[in-house]
Amino acid sequence: MNPSQLASEAKSKIDSATEHFKAELGKIRTGRAHPAMLDGVTVEVYGQQMPLKAVAGTIAPEAQLLQITPFDPDNLKAIADAIRANESLGLNPVDDGRVVRIQIPPLTTESRAAMVKVLNQKVEECFISARNARHEAFRKAEEAEKAKQIGQDERQRLEKQVDELVATQKTAVEGLAKTKEQEIMTV
């Protein structure tokens, strides 16, 4: 395996960890209503579990309100029950026969601090994924060097390149996390 393949493989794994982190950021509550808050909700309809976005459209018409419009009005109760049953959200949906409305309660200081803790856990998970990709690239480079496929200089260049990728990713993730923390802490 040549060094450029190893580098591109490491880059794709690091980029995938960053993309996953960005997706997780959307699920963290900031005190404002956002349709992505409900991304993890699955609803039992037609005898099977389906993601909420497959059975309904979600909008945030106001800063503290989510409105869910089912594609099939018969699924209204199932949608409300699924959201109510998801304890991690802690939301109480109300249906009026046509749509489900969810009033988002304002975050307390304690819940804001808890959200920041969750954010920091997500940051650390992202860093762990990047470090694992780095270690794997280093291991493969060592194996290639032992098998005389690449030289010591190429291995060292590859390691430096992968270290730079990890450093760049770390800076980007820290910037995203700092922005999200400011959103969370803003009352």
N, C-alpha and C. Protein backbone atom coordinates (compact mmCIF):
# COMPACT_ATOMS: atom_id res chain seq x y z
N MET A 1 0.86 -1.19 0.00
CA MET A 1 0.00 0.00 0.00
C MET A 1 0.90 1.24 0.00
N ASN A 2 0.62 2.18 -0.89
CA ASN A 2 1.49 3.35 -0.96
C ASN A 2 1.05 4.43 0.04
N PRO A 3 1.95 5.36 0.37
CA PRO A 3 1.67 6.38 1.39
C PRO A 3 0.48 7.27 1.07
N SER A 4 0.28 7.59 -0.21
CA SER A 4 -0.84 8.47 -0.56
C SER A 4 -2.18 7.77 -0.29
N GLN A 5 -2.24 6.46 -0.51
CA GLN A 5 -3.47 5.71 -0.20
C GLN A 5 -3.72 5.74 1.30
N LEU A 6 -2.68 5.51 2.09
CA LEU A 6 -2.83 5.53 3.54
C LEU A 6 -3.29 6.89 4.04
N ALA A 7 -2.71 7.94 3.46
CA ALA A 7 -3.08 9.31 3.85
C ALA A 7 -4.52 9.61 3.49
N SER A 8 -4.94 9.22 2.30
CA SER A 8 -6.32 9.51 1.89
C SER A 8 -7.31 8.68 2.71
N GLU A 9 -6.93 7.46 3.07
CA GLU A 9 -7.78 6.63 3.91
C GLU A 9 -7.95 7.26 5.29
N ALA A 10 -6.84 7.73 5.86
CA ALA A 10 -6.88 8.39 7.17
C ALA A 10 -7.71 9.67 7.09
N LYS A 11 -7.54 10.44 6.00
CA LYS A 11 -8.30 11.68 5.84
C LYS A 11 -9.79 11.40 5.76
N SER A 12 -10.19 10.36 5.03
CA SER A 12 -11.62 10.07 4.92
C SER A 12 -12.20 9.66 6.28
N LYS A 13 -11.44 8.91 7.07
CA LYS A 13 -11.92 8.51 8.40
C LYS A 13 -12.03 9.72 9.33
N ILE A 14 -11.06 10.61 9.27
CA ILE A 14 -11.08 11.81 10.10
C ILE A 14 -12.23 12.72 9.67
N ASP A 15 -12.43 12.88 8.35
CA ASP A 15 -13.54 13.69 7.84
C ASP A 15 -14.88 13.09 8.25
N SER A 16 -14.97 11.77 8.23
CA SER A 16 -16.22 11.12 8.62
C SER A 16 -16.50 11.35 10.10
N ALA A 17 -15.46 11.35 10.94
CA ALA A 17 -15.64 11.63 12.37
C ALA A 17 -16.14 13.06 12.57
N THR A 18 -15.61 13.99 11.79
CA THR A 18 -16.03 15.39 11.88
C THR A 18 -17.48 15.55 11.43
N GLU A 19 -17.85 14.89 10.34
CA GLU A 19 -19.24 14.96 9.86
C GLU A 19 -20.21 14.38 10.89
N HIS A 20 -19.82 13.29 11.50
CA HIS A 20 -20.66 12.69 12.55
C HIS A 20 -20.82 13.67 13.71
N PHE A 21 -19.74 14.34 14.07
CA PHE A 21 -19.79 15.34 15.15
C PHE A 21 -20.75 16.47 14.80
N LYS A 22 -20.68 16.94 13.55
CA LYS A 22 -21.58 18.01 13.12
C LYS A 22 -23.04 17.57 13.21
N ALA A 23 -23.31 16.31 12.84
CA ALA A 23 -24.67 15.79 12.93
C ALA A 23 -25.12 15.72 14.39
N GLU A 24 -24.21 15.33 15.27
CA GLU A 24 -24.54 15.25 16.70
C GLU A 24 -24.79 16.64 17.28
N LEU A 25 -24.09 17.65 16.78
CA LEU A 25 -24.30 19.02 17.25
C LEU A 25 -25.74 19.47 17.03
N GLY A 26 -26.30 19.07 15.91
CA GLY A 26 -27.67 19.46 15.58
C GLY A 26 -28.69 18.88 16.55
N LYS A 27 -28.35 17.80 17.21
CA LYS A 27 -29.28 17.16 18.14
C LYS A 27 -29.23 17.76 19.54
N ILE A 28 -28.20 18.55 19.82
CA ILE A 28 -28.07 19.14 21.15
C ILE A 28 -28.93 20.39 21.23
N ARG A 29 -29.76 20.44 22.25
CA ARG A 29 -30.68 21.55 22.44
C ARG A 29 -29.95 22.83 22.81
N THR A 30 -30.39 23.94 22.25
CA THR A 30 -29.77 25.23 22.56
C THR A 30 -30.75 26.20 23.19
N GLY A 31 -31.96 25.76 23.49
CA GLY A 31 -32.96 26.66 24.04
C GLY A 31 -33.92 27.17 22.97
N ARG A 32 -33.56 26.98 21.71
CA ARG A 32 -34.42 27.35 20.60
C ARG A 32 -34.97 26.09 19.95
N ALA A 33 -36.17 26.18 19.44
CA ALA A 33 -36.77 25.03 18.75
C ALA A 33 -36.06 24.84 17.41
N HIS A 34 -35.75 23.59 17.11
CA HIS A 34 -35.10 23.26 15.83
C HIS A 34 -35.55 21.86 15.43
N PRO A 35 -36.00 21.67 14.18
CA PRO A 35 -36.49 20.36 13.74
C PRO A 35 -35.49 19.22 13.95
N ALA A 36 -34.20 19.51 13.93
CA ALA A 36 -33.19 18.46 14.10
C ALA A 36 -33.23 17.85 15.50
N MET A 37 -33.88 18.53 16.44
CA MET A 37 -34.01 17.99 17.80
C MET A 37 -34.72 16.64 17.79
N LEU A 38 -35.58 16.44 16.80
CA LEU A 38 -36.39 15.23 16.74
C LEU A 38 -35.82 14.17 15.79
N ASP A 39 -34.58 14.34 15.34
CA ASP A 39 -33.99 13.40 14.39
C ASP A 39 -33.90 11.98 14.91
N GLY A 40 -33.72 11.79 16.21
CA GLY A 40 -33.58 10.45 16.76
C GLY A 40 -34.89 9.75 17.07
N VAL A 41 -36.02 10.41 16.84
CA VAL A 41 -37.33 9.84 17.18
C VAL A 41 -37.78 8.88 16.10
N THR A 42 -38.20 7.68 16.53
CA THR A 42 -38.79 6.73 15.59
C THR A 42 -40.24 6.50 16.00
N VAL A 43 -41.09 6.34 15.02
CA VAL A 43 -42.53 6.20 15.24
C VAL A 43 -42.97 4.83 14.71
N GLU A 44 -43.83 4.15 15.48
CA GLU A 44 -44.36 2.88 15.00
C GLU A 44 -45.62 3.15 14.19
N VAL A 45 -45.49 2.97 12.86
CA VAL A 45 -46.62 3.15 11.95
C VAL A 45 -46.63 2.00 10.96
N TYR A 46 -47.79 1.61 10.57
CA TYR A 46 -47.97 0.53 9.60
C TYR A 46 -47.25 -0.74 10.05
N GLY A 47 -47.17 -0.96 11.35
CA GLY A 47 -46.59 -2.18 11.89
C GLY A 47 -45.07 -2.21 11.92
N GLN A 48 -44.41 -1.07 11.69
CA GLN A 48 -42.94 -1.05 11.75
C GLN A 48 -42.44 0.30 12.28
N GLN A 49 -41.20 0.31 12.76
CA GLN A 49 -40.58 1.53 13.25
C GLN A 49 -40.04 2.33 12.08
N MET A 50 -40.38 3.61 12.05
CA MET A 50 -39.89 4.49 10.98
C MET A 50 -39.41 5.79 11.60
N PRO A 51 -38.39 6.44 11.00
CA PRO A 51 -37.95 7.73 11.52
C PRO A 51 -39.06 8.77 11.37
N LEU A 52 -39.11 9.70 12.30
CA LEU A 52 -40.16 10.72 12.28
C LEU A 52 -40.20 11.48 10.96
N LYS A 53 -39.01 11.80 10.40
CA LYS A 53 -39.01 12.58 9.17
C LYS A 53 -39.56 11.81 7.97
N ALA A 54 -39.74 10.48 8.11
CA ALA A 54 -40.32 9.68 7.03
C ALA A 54 -41.85 9.68 7.09
N VAL A 55 -42.41 10.09 8.24
CA VAL A 55 -43.87 10.05 8.38
C VAL A 55 -44.48 11.43 8.58
N ALA A 56 -43.64 12.47 8.75
CA ALA A 56 -44.18 13.80 9.00
C ALA A 56 -43.17 14.88 8.63
N GLY A 57 -43.68 16.07 8.40
CA GLY A 57 -42.83 17.24 8.17
C GLY A 57 -42.76 18.03 9.46
N THR A 58 -41.56 18.54 9.80
CA THR A 58 -41.37 19.29 11.03
C THR A 58 -40.85 20.68 10.71
N ILE A 59 -41.49 21.69 11.32
CA ILE A 59 -41.03 23.07 11.16
C ILE A 59 -40.98 23.73 12.54
N ALA A 60 -40.27 24.84 12.61
CA ALA A 60 -40.20 25.64 13.83
C ALA A 60 -40.75 27.03 13.50
N PRO A 61 -42.09 27.22 13.62
CA PRO A 61 -42.68 28.51 13.25
C PRO A 61 -42.30 29.64 14.22
N GLU A 62 -41.95 29.29 15.45
CA GLU A 62 -41.53 30.28 16.45
C GLU A 62 -40.28 29.75 17.15
N ALA A 63 -39.63 30.62 17.90
CA ALA A 63 -38.39 30.24 18.57
C ALA A 63 -38.58 29.14 19.61
N GLN A 64 -39.75 29.04 20.20
CA GLN A 64 -40.00 28.06 21.26
C GLN A 64 -41.08 27.04 20.89
N LEU A 65 -41.33 26.87 19.58
CA LEU A 65 -42.41 25.97 19.16
C LEU A 65 -41.99 25.12 17.97
N LEU A 66 -42.31 23.82 18.06
CA LEU A 66 -42.13 22.91 16.92
C LEU A 66 -43.51 22.48 16.46
N GLN A 67 -43.70 22.38 15.16
CA GLN A 67 -44.98 21.94 14.61
C GLN A 67 -44.70 20.76 13.68
N ILE A 68 -45.39 19.65 13.94
CA ILE A 68 -45.20 18.43 13.16
C ILE A 68 -46.49 18.13 12.42
N THR A 69 -46.40 18.06 11.09
CA THR A 69 -47.56 17.78 10.26
C THR A 69 -47.39 16.39 9.65
N PRO A 70 -48.21 15.41 10.08
CA PRO A 70 -48.06 14.05 9.52
C PRO A 70 -48.52 14.00 8.07
N PHE A 71 -47.84 13.15 7.29
CA PHE A 71 -48.23 12.96 5.89
C PHE A 71 -49.56 12.21 5.83
N ASP A 72 -49.81 11.34 6.81
CA ASP A 72 -51.06 10.61 6.93
C ASP A 72 -51.68 10.98 8.28
N PRO A 73 -52.83 11.66 8.29
CA PRO A 73 -53.44 12.11 9.55
C PRO A 73 -53.72 10.97 10.55
N ASP A 74 -53.81 9.74 10.07
CA ASP A 74 -54.06 8.61 10.98
C ASP A 74 -52.86 8.36 11.90
N ASN A 75 -51.69 8.88 11.56
CA ASN A 75 -50.48 8.66 12.36
C ASN A 75 -50.26 9.72 13.43
N LEU A 76 -51.20 10.65 13.57
CA LEU A 76 -51.05 11.76 14.50
C LEU A 76 -50.80 11.30 15.93
N LYS A 77 -51.62 10.38 16.43
CA LYS A 77 -51.47 9.90 17.80
C LYS A 77 -50.17 9.13 17.99
N ALA A 78 -49.78 8.32 17.02
CA ALA A 78 -48.54 7.55 17.12
C ALA A 78 -47.33 8.49 17.19
N ILE A 79 -47.37 9.59 16.45
CA ILE A 79 -46.27 10.56 16.47
C ILE A 79 -46.17 11.22 17.83
N ALA A 80 -47.31 11.68 18.35
CA ALA A 80 -47.32 12.32 19.68
C ALA A 80 -46.84 11.35 20.75
N ASP A 81 -47.29 10.10 20.69
CA ASP A 81 -46.88 9.10 21.68
C ASP A 81 -45.39 8.81 21.60
N ALA A 82 -44.83 8.74 20.40
CA ALA A 82 -43.40 8.45 20.23
C ALA A 82 -42.55 9.58 20.81
N ILE A 83 -42.96 10.81 20.61
CA ILE A 83 -42.21 11.95 21.14
C ILE A 83 -42.32 11.98 22.67
N ARG A 84 -43.51 11.73 23.17
CA ARG A 84 -43.73 11.71 24.62
C ARG A 84 -42.92 10.58 25.28
N ALA A 85 -42.81 9.45 24.60
CA ALA A 85 -42.12 8.28 25.15
C ALA A 85 -40.60 8.45 25.15
N ASN A 86 -40.08 9.36 24.33
CA ASN A 86 -38.63 9.58 24.26
C ASN A 86 -38.21 10.44 25.45
N GLU A 87 -37.74 9.78 26.52
CA GLU A 87 -37.41 10.49 27.76
C GLU A 87 -36.22 11.41 27.62
N SER A 88 -35.32 11.14 26.70
CA SER A 88 -34.15 12.00 26.55
C SER A 88 -34.53 13.40 26.07
N LEU A 89 -35.66 13.50 25.37
CA LEU A 89 -36.13 14.81 24.90
C LEU A 89 -36.85 15.57 26.01
N GLY A 90 -37.65 14.87 26.79
CA GLY A 90 -38.40 15.51 27.87
C GLY A 90 -39.44 16.50 27.36
N LEU A 91 -40.07 16.18 26.23
CA LEU A 91 -41.05 17.09 25.63
C LEU A 91 -42.46 16.54 25.79
N ASN A 92 -43.43 17.46 25.81
CA ASN A 92 -44.83 17.07 25.95
C ASN A 92 -45.62 17.59 24.75
N PRO A 93 -45.80 16.74 23.72
CA PRO A 93 -46.51 17.17 22.51
C PRO A 93 -48.03 17.25 22.74
N VAL A 94 -48.66 18.17 21.99
CA VAL A 94 -50.11 18.34 22.04
C VAL A 94 -50.61 18.27 20.60
N ASP A 95 -51.62 17.40 20.36
CA ASP A 95 -52.15 17.34 18.99
C ASP A 95 -53.55 17.94 18.96
N ASP A 96 -53.86 18.65 17.87
CA ASP A 96 -55.16 19.30 17.73
C ASP A 96 -56.02 18.63 16.68
N GLY A 97 -55.66 17.42 16.27
CA GLY A 97 -56.43 16.70 15.26
C GLY A 97 -55.85 16.83 13.87
N ARG A 98 -54.99 17.84 13.64
CA ARG A 98 -54.36 18.03 12.34
C ARG A 98 -52.84 18.03 12.44
N VAL A 99 -52.31 18.69 13.45
CA VAL A 99 -50.86 18.79 13.64
C VAL A 99 -50.50 18.53 15.10
N VAL A 100 -49.23 18.24 15.33
CA VAL A 100 -48.71 18.08 16.69
C VAL A 100 -47.87 19.31 16.97
N ARG A 101 -48.15 19.96 18.10
CA ARG A 101 -47.36 21.13 18.49
C ARG A 101 -46.60 20.79 19.77
N ILE A 102 -45.34 21.25 19.81
CA ILE A 102 -44.52 21.01 20.99
C ILE A 102 -43.97 22.36 21.45
N GLN A 103 -44.37 22.76 22.64
CA GLN A 103 -43.84 23.97 23.23
C GLN A 103 -42.51 23.61 23.88
N ILE A 104 -41.43 24.26 23.47
CA ILE A 104 -40.10 23.97 24.00
C ILE A 104 -39.90 24.81 25.25
N PRO A 105 -39.73 24.14 26.41
CA PRO A 105 -39.52 24.92 27.64
C PRO A 105 -38.14 25.57 27.64
N PRO A 106 -38.04 26.74 28.25
CA PRO A 106 -36.72 27.38 28.30
C PRO A 106 -35.76 26.56 29.16
N LEU A 107 -34.48 26.60 28.81
CA LEU A 107 -33.48 25.85 29.56
C LEU A 107 -33.13 26.57 30.86
N THR A 108 -32.96 25.79 31.92
CA THR A 108 -32.49 26.35 33.19
C THR A 108 -30.96 26.39 33.16
N THR A 109 -30.38 27.03 34.14
CA THR A 109 -28.92 27.09 34.22
C THR A 109 -28.34 25.70 34.34
N GLU A 110 -29.00 24.84 35.15
CA GLU A 110 -28.51 23.48 35.34
C GLU A 110 -28.59 22.68 34.04
N SER A 111 -29.70 22.84 33.31
CA SER A 111 -29.84 22.07 32.07
C SER A 111 -28.88 22.59 31.00
N ARG A 112 -28.57 23.88 31.03
CA ARG A 112 -27.57 24.42 30.10
C ARG A 112 -26.20 23.82 30.40
N ALA A 113 -25.87 23.73 31.70
CA ALA A 113 -24.58 23.13 32.09
C ALA A 113 -24.54 21.66 31.68
N ALA A 114 -25.66 20.95 31.81
CA ALA A 114 -25.73 19.55 31.40
C ALA A 114 -25.54 19.41 29.89
N MET A 115 -26.12 20.33 29.12
CA MET A 115 -25.96 20.31 27.66
C MET A 115 -24.49 20.54 27.27
N VAL A 116 -23.81 21.42 28.00
CA VAL A 116 -22.39 21.68 27.72
C VAL A 116 -21.58 20.42 28.02
N LYS A 117 -21.95 19.69 29.08
CA LYS A 117 -21.26 18.43 29.40
C LYS A 117 -21.45 17.43 28.25
N VAL A 118 -22.67 17.32 27.75
CA VAL A 118 -22.95 16.42 26.63
C VAL A 118 -22.13 16.84 25.41
N LEU A 119 -22.07 18.15 25.17
CA LEU A 119 -21.28 18.68 24.05
C LEU A 119 -19.82 18.27 24.19
N ASN A 120 -19.28 18.41 25.39
CA ASN A 120 -17.87 18.06 25.61
C ASN A 120 -17.63 16.56 25.42
N GLN A 121 -18.61 15.73 25.77
CA GLN A 121 -18.49 14.30 25.53
C GLN A 121 -18.44 14.00 24.03
N LYS A 122 -19.28 14.69 23.26
CA LYS A 122 -19.30 14.51 21.80
C LYS A 122 -17.97 14.96 21.19
N VAL A 123 -17.41 16.04 21.72
CA VAL A 123 -16.11 16.51 21.23
C VAL A 123 -15.05 15.45 21.48
N GLU A 124 -15.05 14.89 22.69
CA GLU A 124 -14.05 13.88 23.03
C GLU A 124 -14.22 12.63 22.17
N GLU A 125 -15.46 12.22 21.91
CA GLU A 125 -15.70 11.06 21.04
C GLU A 125 -15.14 11.31 19.64
N CYS A 126 -15.29 12.52 19.14
CA CYS A 126 -14.77 12.88 17.82
C CYS A 126 -13.25 12.80 17.82
N PHE A 127 -12.62 13.32 18.87
CA PHE A 127 -11.16 13.28 18.97
C PHE A 127 -10.66 11.84 19.06
N ILE A 128 -11.38 11.00 19.78
CA ILE A 128 -10.99 9.59 19.91
C ILE A 128 -11.04 8.91 18.54
N SER A 129 -12.09 9.18 17.77
CA SER A 129 -12.19 8.60 16.43
C SER A 129 -11.02 9.04 15.55
N ALA A 130 -10.67 10.32 15.64
CA ALA A 130 -9.55 10.83 14.84
C ALA A 130 -8.23 10.18 15.27
N ARG A 131 -8.04 10.05 16.58
CA ARG A 131 -6.80 9.42 17.07
C ARG A 131 -6.73 7.96 16.64
N ASN A 132 -7.87 7.26 16.66
CA ASN A 132 -7.89 5.87 16.22
C ASN A 132 -7.51 5.77 14.74
N ALA A 133 -8.01 6.67 13.91
CA ALA A 133 -7.66 6.68 12.49
C ALA A 133 -6.16 6.95 12.33
N ARG A 134 -5.63 7.85 13.15
CA ARG A 134 -4.20 8.18 13.12
C ARG A 134 -3.35 6.96 13.49
N HIS A 135 -3.74 6.29 14.58
CA HIS A 135 -2.99 5.11 15.02
C HIS A 135 -3.03 4.00 13.98
N GLU A 136 -4.19 3.84 13.35
CA GLU A 136 -4.32 2.81 12.32
C GLU A 136 -3.42 3.12 11.12
N ALA A 137 -3.38 4.40 10.73
CA ALA A 137 -2.51 4.79 9.61
C ALA A 137 -1.04 4.56 9.97
N PHE A 138 -0.67 4.89 11.20
CA PHE A 138 0.72 4.68 11.64
C PHE A 138 1.06 3.19 11.63
N ARG A 139 0.14 2.37 12.12
CA ARG A 139 0.37 0.92 12.17
C ARG A 139 0.55 0.36 10.76
N LYS A 140 -0.33 0.77 9.84
CA LYS A 140 -0.23 0.28 8.46
C LYS A 140 1.06 0.76 7.80
N ALA A 141 1.50 1.98 8.13
CA ALA A 141 2.74 2.50 7.57
C ALA A 141 3.93 1.69 8.09
N GLU A 142 3.90 1.36 9.37
CA GLU A 142 4.98 0.54 9.94
C GLU A 142 5.03 -0.83 9.27
N GLU A 143 3.85 -1.42 9.08
CA GLU A 143 3.79 -2.74 8.42
C GLU A 143 4.32 -2.65 6.99
N ALA A 144 3.98 -1.58 6.28
CA ALA A 144 4.45 -1.41 4.91
C ALA A 144 5.97 -1.21 4.89
N GLU A 145 6.48 -0.51 5.90
CA GLU A 145 7.93 -0.31 5.98
C GLU A 145 8.64 -1.64 6.26
N LYS A 146 8.09 -2.43 7.18
CA LYS A 146 8.68 -3.73 7.50
C LYS A 146 8.65 -4.67 6.29
N ALA A 147 7.60 -4.54 5.48
CA ALA A 147 7.47 -5.38 4.29
C ALA A 147 8.26 -4.80 3.10
N LYS A 148 9.00 -3.72 3.37
CA LYS A 148 9.85 -3.07 2.35
C LYS A 148 9.03 -2.49 1.18
N GLN A 149 7.75 -2.15 1.45
CA GLN A 149 6.92 -1.52 0.41
C GLN A 149 7.19 -0.01 0.35
N ILE A 150 7.53 0.56 1.52
CA ILE A 150 7.88 1.99 1.57
C ILE A 150 9.15 2.12 2.41
N GLY A 151 9.81 3.26 2.26
CA GLY A 151 11.02 3.51 3.02
C GLY A 151 10.72 4.26 4.31
N GLN A 152 11.73 4.43 5.14
CA GLN A 152 11.57 5.11 6.42
C GLN A 152 11.18 6.58 6.21
N ASP A 153 11.77 7.24 5.21
CA ASP A 153 11.44 8.64 4.93
C ASP A 153 9.97 8.79 4.54
N GLU A 154 9.48 7.87 3.70
CA GLU A 154 8.07 7.92 3.29
C GLU A 154 7.15 7.73 4.49
N ARG A 155 7.50 6.80 5.38
CA ARG A 155 6.70 6.56 6.58
C ARG A 155 6.66 7.81 7.45
N GLN A 156 7.80 8.44 7.64
CA GLN A 156 7.85 9.64 8.47
C GLN A 156 7.07 10.78 7.84
N ARG A 157 7.15 10.91 6.52
CA ARG A 157 6.36 11.95 5.81
C ARG A 157 4.87 11.68 6.00
N LEU A 158 4.49 10.42 5.87
CA LEU A 158 3.08 10.04 6.03
C LEU A 158 2.61 10.36 7.45
N GLU A 159 3.41 10.00 8.44
CA GLU A 159 3.04 10.26 9.84
C GLU A 159 2.86 11.76 10.08
N LYS A 160 3.77 12.56 9.51
CA LYS A 160 3.66 14.02 9.66
C LYS A 160 2.39 14.53 8.99
N GLN A 161 2.09 13.99 7.81
CA GLN A 161 0.89 14.40 7.07
C GLN A 161 -0.38 14.05 7.85
N VAL A 162 -0.42 12.85 8.42
CA VAL A 162 -1.59 12.43 9.20
C VAL A 162 -1.71 13.26 10.47
N ASP A 163 -0.58 13.56 11.12
CA ASP A 163 -0.61 14.42 12.31
C ASP A 163 -1.19 15.79 11.98
N GLU A 164 -0.82 16.33 10.81
CA GLU A 164 -1.36 17.63 10.38
C GLU A 164 -2.86 17.55 10.15
N LEU A 165 -3.32 16.45 9.56
CA LEU A 165 -4.76 16.25 9.35
C LEU A 165 -5.50 16.24 10.68
N VAL A 166 -4.95 15.53 11.65
CA VAL A 166 -5.59 15.44 12.97
C VAL A 166 -5.60 16.81 13.64
N ALA A 167 -4.50 17.55 13.53
CA ALA A 167 -4.43 18.88 14.14
C ALA A 167 -5.44 19.83 13.50
N THR A 168 -5.58 19.76 12.18
CA THR A 168 -6.55 20.60 11.47
C THR A 168 -7.97 20.26 11.91
N GLN A 169 -8.25 18.95 12.02
CA GLN A 169 -9.57 18.51 12.44
C GLN A 169 -9.85 18.97 13.86
N LYS A 170 -8.87 18.87 14.73
CA LYS A 170 -9.04 19.27 16.14
C LYS A 170 -9.38 20.75 16.23
N THR A 171 -8.69 21.58 15.46
CA THR A 171 -8.96 23.02 15.47
C THR A 171 -10.39 23.30 14.99
N ALA A 172 -10.80 22.63 13.92
CA ALA A 172 -12.15 22.84 13.38
C ALA A 172 -13.21 22.40 14.38
N VAL A 173 -13.03 21.24 15.00
CA VAL A 173 -14.01 20.73 15.96
C VAL A 173 -14.08 21.63 17.19
N GLU A 174 -12.93 22.09 17.66
CA GLU A 174 -12.93 22.99 18.82
C GLU A 174 -13.67 24.29 18.51
N GLY A 175 -13.51 24.80 17.29
CA GLY A 175 -14.22 26.01 16.88
C GLY A 175 -15.73 25.79 16.84
N LEU A 176 -16.15 24.65 16.27
CA LEU A 176 -17.58 24.33 16.23
C LEU A 176 -18.13 24.18 17.64
N ALA A 177 -17.38 23.51 18.50
CA ALA A 177 -17.82 23.28 19.87
C ALA A 177 -17.95 24.59 20.64
N LYS A 178 -17.00 25.49 20.43
CA LYS A 178 -17.04 26.78 21.13
C LYS A 178 -18.28 27.58 20.70
N THR A 179 -18.57 27.56 19.39
CA THR A 179 -19.75 28.25 18.88
C THR A 179 -21.02 27.66 19.47
N LYS A 180 -21.10 26.33 19.50
CA LYS A 180 -22.29 25.66 20.04
C LYS A 180 -22.43 25.94 21.54
N GLU A 181 -21.32 25.97 22.27
CA GLU A 181 -21.38 26.26 23.70
C GLU A 181 -21.91 27.66 23.94
N GLN A 182 -21.50 28.62 23.11
CA GLN A 182 -22.01 29.98 23.24
C GLN A 182 -23.52 30.01 22.98
N GLU A 183 -23.99 29.24 21.98
CA GLU A 183 -25.42 29.15 21.69
C GLU A 183 -26.17 28.60 22.90
N ILE A 184 -25.61 27.55 23.50
CA ILE A 184 -26.27 26.90 24.63
C ILE A 184 -26.35 27.86 25.81
N MET A 185 -25.28 28.55 26.10
CA MET A 185 -25.22 29.40 27.29
C MET A 185 -25.93 30.74 27.12
N THR A 186 -26.26 31.12 25.88
CA THR A 186 -26.98 32.37 25.66
C THR A 186 -28.43 32.21 26.07
N VAL A 187 -28.86 33.10 26.94
CA VAL A 187 -30.23 33.01 27.46
C VAL A 187 -31.19 33.74 26.54
